């Protein structure tokens, strides 16, 4: 069996149910701008 190492996620946080509901997984790719990414990482 192939062993897949777990990544070390030092900056990860557990999301609340409301935060998980805002995430949408679909085939449509949303174009994120650098400004949007910076805003998301700051919140």
N, C-alpha and C. Protein backbone atom coordinates (compact mmCIF):
# COMPACT_ATOMS: atom_id res chain seq x y z
N UNK A 1 0.84 -1.17 0.00
CA UNK A 1 0.00 0.00 0.00
C UNK A 1 0.89 1.24 0.00
N UNK A 2 0.53 2.21 -0.80
CA UNK A 2 1.31 3.43 -0.92
C UNK A 2 1.06 4.32 0.30
N UNK A 3 2.13 4.84 0.89
CA UNK A 3 2.02 5.73 2.04
C UNK A 3 2.03 7.17 1.54
N UNK A 4 0.99 7.92 1.87
CA UNK A 4 0.90 9.32 1.49
C UNK A 4 1.15 10.15 2.75
N UNK A 5 2.23 10.94 2.76
CA UNK A 5 2.52 11.72 3.96
C UNK A 5 1.52 12.85 4.16
N UNK A 6 1.17 13.09 5.43
CA UNK A 6 0.26 14.20 5.75
C UNK A 6 1.03 15.51 5.70
N UNK A 7 0.47 16.54 5.09
CA UNK A 7 1.15 17.83 5.05
C UNK A 7 1.15 18.48 6.44
N UNK A 8 2.16 19.28 6.70
CA UNK A 8 2.22 20.04 7.93
C UNK A 8 1.51 21.37 7.69
N UNK A 9 0.39 21.56 8.34
CA UNK A 9 -0.43 22.75 8.13
C UNK A 9 -0.36 23.62 9.38
N UNK A 10 0.65 24.45 9.45
CA UNK A 10 0.84 25.27 10.64
C UNK A 10 -0.10 26.47 10.68
N UNK A 11 -0.51 26.98 9.54
CA UNK A 11 -1.37 28.17 9.49
C UNK A 11 -2.83 27.83 9.23
N UNK A 12 -3.19 26.54 9.24
CA UNK A 12 -4.57 26.15 8.96
C UNK A 12 -5.44 26.40 10.18
N UNK A 13 -6.72 26.67 9.90
CA UNK A 13 -7.68 26.83 10.99
C UNK A 13 -8.93 26.03 10.68
N UNK A 14 -9.64 25.65 11.73
CA UNK A 14 -10.88 24.90 11.57
C UNK A 14 -11.98 25.88 11.20
N UNK A 15 -12.70 25.56 10.12
CA UNK A 15 -13.77 26.44 9.66
C UNK A 15 -15.07 26.13 10.37
N UNK A 16 -15.86 27.17 10.59
CA UNK A 16 -17.18 26.99 11.17
C UNK A 16 -18.14 26.54 10.07
N UNK A 17 -19.33 26.12 10.47
CA UNK A 17 -20.32 25.68 9.50
C UNK A 17 -20.68 26.80 8.53
N UNK A 18 -20.79 28.03 9.03
CA UNK A 18 -21.13 29.16 8.17
C UNK A 18 -20.02 29.41 7.15
N UNK A 19 -18.77 29.30 7.57
CA UNK A 19 -17.65 29.50 6.65
C UNK A 19 -17.61 28.40 5.60
N UNK A 20 -17.90 27.17 6.00
CA UNK A 20 -17.93 26.07 5.04
C UNK A 20 -19.05 26.24 4.02
N UNK A 21 -20.18 26.80 4.45
CA UNK A 21 -21.30 27.02 3.54
C UNK A 21 -20.99 28.05 2.47
N UNK A 22 -20.06 28.95 2.74
CA UNK A 22 -19.69 29.97 1.75
C UNK A 22 -18.77 29.42 0.66
N UNK A 23 -18.21 28.24 0.89
CA UNK A 23 -17.31 27.64 -0.09
C UNK A 23 -18.15 26.80 -1.06
N UNK A 24 -18.00 27.05 -2.34
CA UNK A 24 -18.73 26.31 -3.36
C UNK A 24 -17.75 25.56 -4.23
N UNK A 25 -17.94 24.26 -4.35
CA UNK A 25 -17.10 23.42 -5.19
C UNK A 25 -17.90 23.07 -6.44
N UNK A 26 -17.43 23.50 -7.58
CA UNK A 26 -18.12 23.19 -8.83
C UNK A 26 -17.11 23.15 -9.96
N UNK A 27 -17.59 22.85 -11.15
CA UNK A 27 -16.74 22.81 -12.33
C UNK A 27 -16.37 24.20 -12.82
N UNK A 28 -17.13 25.19 -12.42
CA UNK A 28 -16.89 26.56 -12.86
C UNK A 28 -15.78 27.17 -12.01
N UNK A 29 -14.75 27.65 -12.66
CA UNK A 29 -13.63 28.24 -11.94
C UNK A 29 -13.82 29.74 -11.82
N UNK A 30 -13.74 30.23 -10.60
CA UNK A 30 -13.84 31.66 -10.35
C UNK A 30 -12.46 32.27 -10.43
N UNK A 31 -12.34 33.36 -11.14
CA UNK A 31 -11.06 34.04 -11.25
C UNK A 31 -10.86 34.92 -10.03
N UNK A 32 -9.89 34.57 -9.21
CA UNK A 32 -9.57 35.38 -8.03
C UNK A 32 -8.44 36.33 -8.37
N UNK A 33 -8.63 37.57 -8.03
CA UNK A 33 -7.60 38.57 -8.25
C UNK A 33 -6.66 38.58 -7.04
N UNK A 34 -5.45 39.09 -7.20
CA UNK A 34 -4.54 39.20 -6.06
C UNK A 34 -5.14 39.99 -4.90
N UNK A 35 -5.93 41.01 -5.20
CA UNK A 35 -6.57 41.80 -4.15
C UNK A 35 -7.59 40.95 -3.37
N UNK A 36 -8.35 40.13 -4.09
CA UNK A 36 -9.32 39.26 -3.43
C UNK A 36 -8.61 38.22 -2.56
N UNK A 37 -7.52 37.67 -3.04
CA UNK A 37 -6.76 36.70 -2.26
C UNK A 37 -6.19 37.32 -1.00
N UNK A 38 -5.68 38.53 -1.11
CA UNK A 38 -5.14 39.22 0.05
C UNK A 38 -6.23 39.48 1.08
N UNK A 39 -7.43 39.89 0.60
CA UNK A 39 -8.55 40.15 1.50
C UNK A 39 -8.99 38.85 2.20
N UNK A 40 -9.03 37.76 1.45
CA UNK A 40 -9.43 36.47 2.02
C UNK A 40 -8.42 36.00 3.07
N UNK A 41 -7.16 36.17 2.80
CA UNK A 41 -6.13 35.71 3.74
C UNK A 41 -6.09 36.57 4.99
N UNK A 42 -6.53 37.82 4.89
CA UNK A 42 -6.52 38.71 6.06
C UNK A 42 -7.71 38.47 6.98
N UNK A 43 -8.77 37.86 6.45
CA UNK A 43 -9.96 37.65 7.29
C UNK A 43 -9.89 36.34 8.05
